[in-house]
């Protein structure tokens, strides 16, 4: 009986946590939408104006060593 009651009592608590998360996400979206369009356009223009010469060149990856060959056959080992 308690195996059924305990999960049912915990369900509203878990649902309450989700409501708080959804409200916080909604507030973030609302704050973003309140920003003037000019600020948003300048922010996107700054990110688009970055040229490849401004970025740090990526270092070349180290070469990968080849795995040693196993002489082409599978060897059996005893389990003792």
C-alpha atoms as a PDB file:
ATOM      1  CA  UNK A   1       0.000   0.000   0.000  1.00  0.00           C
ATOM      2  CA  UNK A   2       2.782   2.434   0.915  1.00  0.00           C
ATOM      3  CA  UNK A   3       4.535   1.633  -2.381  1.00  0.00           C
ATOM      4  CA  UNK A   4       1.611   3.228  -4.183  1.00  0.00           C
ATOM      5  CA  UNK A   5       0.948   6.147  -1.840  1.00  0.00           C
ATOM      6  CA  UNK A   6       4.527   7.448  -1.602  1.00  0.00           C
ATOM      7  CA  UNK A   7       5.022   8.000  -5.361  1.00  0.00           C
ATOM      8  CA  UNK A   8       1.603   9.627  -5.597  1.00  0.00           C
ATOM      9  CA  UNK A   9       2.536  12.045  -2.800  1.00  0.00           C
ATOM     10  CA  UNK A  10       5.868  12.899  -4.440  1.00  0.00           C
ATOM     11  CA  UNK A  11       4.320  13.592  -7.836  1.00  0.00           C
ATOM     12  CA  UNK A  12       3.051  17.116  -6.980  1.00  0.00           C
ATOM     13  CA  UNK A  13       6.480  18.042  -5.607  1.00  0.00           C
ATOM     14  CA  UNK A  14       8.187  17.061  -8.843  1.00  0.00           C
ATOM     15  CA  UNK A  15       5.572  18.888 -10.880  1.00  0.00           C
ATOM     16  CA  UNK A  16       6.154  21.994  -8.741  1.00  0.00           C
ATOM     17  CA  UNK A  17       9.840  21.980  -9.658  1.00  0.00           C
ATOM     18  CA  UNK A  18       8.997  21.899 -13.349  1.00  0.00           C
ATOM     19  CA  UNK A  19       6.673  24.892 -12.973  1.00  0.00           C
ATOM     20  CA  UNK A  20       9.481  26.952 -11.438  1.00  0.00           C
ATOM     21  CA  UNK A  21      11.862  26.020 -14.262  1.00  0.00           C
ATOM     22  CA  UNK A  22       9.289  26.899 -16.912  1.00  0.00           C
ATOM     23  CA  UNK A  23       8.589  30.245 -15.249  1.00  0.00           C
ATOM     24  CA  UNK A  24      12.301  31.102 -15.129  1.00  0.00           C
ATOM     25  CA  UNK A  25      12.684  30.204 -18.805  1.00  0.00           C
ATOM     26  CA  UNK A  26       9.689  32.360 -19.674  1.00  0.00           C
ATOM     27  CA  UNK A  27      11.148  35.315 -17.770  1.00  0.00           C
ATOM     28  CA  UNK A  28      14.443  35.014 -19.656  1.00  0.00           C
ATOM     29  CA  UNK A  29      12.611  35.030 -22.977  1.00  0.00           C
ATOM     30  CA  UNK A  30      10.554  38.031 -21.873  1.00  0.00           C
ATOM     31  CA  UNK A  31      13.684  39.964 -20.859  1.00  0.00           C
ATOM     32  CA  UNK A  32      15.278  39.210 -24.235  1.00  0.00           C
ATOM     33  CA  UNK A  33      12.184  40.419 -26.062  1.00  0.00           C
ATOM     34  CA  UNK A  34      12.179  43.698 -24.099  1.00  0.00           C
ATOM     35  CA  UNK A  35      15.623  44.676 -25.397  1.00  0.00           C
ATOM     36  CA  UNK A  36      15.511  47.338 -28.101  1.00  0.00           C
ATOM     37  CA  UNK A  37      15.928  46.101 -31.649  1.00  0.00           C
ATOM     38  CA  UNK A  38      18.970  48.359 -32.123  1.00  0.00           C
ATOM     39  CA  UNK A  39      20.880  46.558 -29.362  1.00  0.00           C
ATOM     40  CA  UNK A  40      20.070  43.188 -30.844  1.00  0.00           C
ATOM     41  CA  UNK A  41      21.168  44.287 -34.321  1.00  0.00           C
ATOM     42  CA  UNK A  42      24.501  45.653 -33.095  1.00  0.00           C
ATOM     43  CA  UNK A  43      25.156  42.441 -31.182  1.00  0.00           C
ATOM     44  CA  UNK A  44      24.576  40.345 -34.298  1.00  0.00           C
ATOM     45  CA  UNK A  45      26.634  42.727 -36.452  1.00  0.00           C
ATOM     46  CA  UNK A  46      29.591  42.399 -34.087  1.00  0.00           C
ATOM     47  CA  UNK A  47      29.518  38.618 -34.263  1.00  0.00           C
ATOM     48  CA  UNK A  48      29.221  38.635 -38.059  1.00  0.00           C
ATOM     49  CA  UNK A  49      32.101  41.096 -38.525  1.00  0.00           C
ATOM     50  CA  UNK A  50      34.691  38.680 -37.127  1.00  0.00           C
ATOM     51  CA  UNK A  51      36.961  37.644 -39.978  1.00  0.00           C
ATOM     52  CA  UNK A  52      39.009  34.449 -40.150  1.00  0.00           C
ATOM     53  CA  UNK A  53      42.226  36.457 -39.700  1.00  0.00           C
ATOM     54  CA  UNK A  54      40.971  37.649 -36.281  1.00  0.00           C
ATOM     55  CA  UNK A  55      40.535  34.136 -34.980  1.00  0.00           C
ATOM     56  CA  UNK A  56      43.341  32.039 -33.572  1.00  0.00           C
ATOM     57  CA  UNK A  57      44.445  29.392 -36.068  1.00  0.00           C
ATOM     58  CA  UNK A  58      43.774  25.866 -34.939  1.00  0.00           C
ATOM     59  CA  UNK A  59      46.838  23.777 -34.247  1.00  0.00           C
ATOM     60  CA  UNK A  60      47.272  20.709 -36.381  1.00  0.00           C
ATOM     61  CA  UNK A  61      46.264  17.451 -34.713  1.00  0.00           C
ATOM     62  CA  UNK A  62      48.995  15.081 -33.654  1.00  0.00           C
ATOM     63  CA  UNK A  63      49.485  12.092 -35.960  1.00  0.00           C
ATOM     64  CA  UNK A  64      47.916   8.858 -34.800  1.00  0.00           C
ATOM     65  CA  UNK A  65      50.193   5.866 -34.336  1.00  0.00           C
ATOM     66  CA  UNK A  66      49.147   2.653 -36.078  1.00  0.00           C
ATOM     67  CA  UNK A  67      48.174  -0.285 -33.886  1.00  0.00           C
ATOM     68  CA  UNK A  68      50.683  -3.135 -33.763  1.00  0.00           C
ATOM     69  CA  UNK A  69      49.717  -6.053 -35.939  1.00  0.00           C
ATOM     70  CA  UNK A  70      48.509  -9.227 -34.263  1.00  0.00           C
ATOM     71  CA  UNK A  71      50.169 -11.456 -36.866  1.00  0.00           C
ATOM     72  CA  UNK A  72      46.800 -12.133 -38.493  1.00  0.00           C
ATOM     73  CA  UNK A  73      45.513 -14.882 -36.197  1.00  0.00           C
ATOM     74  CA  UNK A  74      43.599 -15.187 -32.960  1.00  0.00           C
ATOM     75  CA  UNK A  75      45.409 -17.111 -30.269  1.00  0.00           C
ATOM     76  CA  UNK A  76      43.541 -19.213 -27.741  1.00  0.00           C
ATOM     77  CA  UNK A  77      44.432 -18.942 -24.082  1.00  0.00           C
ATOM     78  CA  UNK A  78      43.557 -21.415 -21.371  1.00  0.00           C
ATOM     79  CA  UNK A  79      41.256 -20.300 -18.595  1.00  0.00           C
ATOM     80  CA  UNK A  80      43.268 -22.076 -15.884  1.00  0.00           C
END
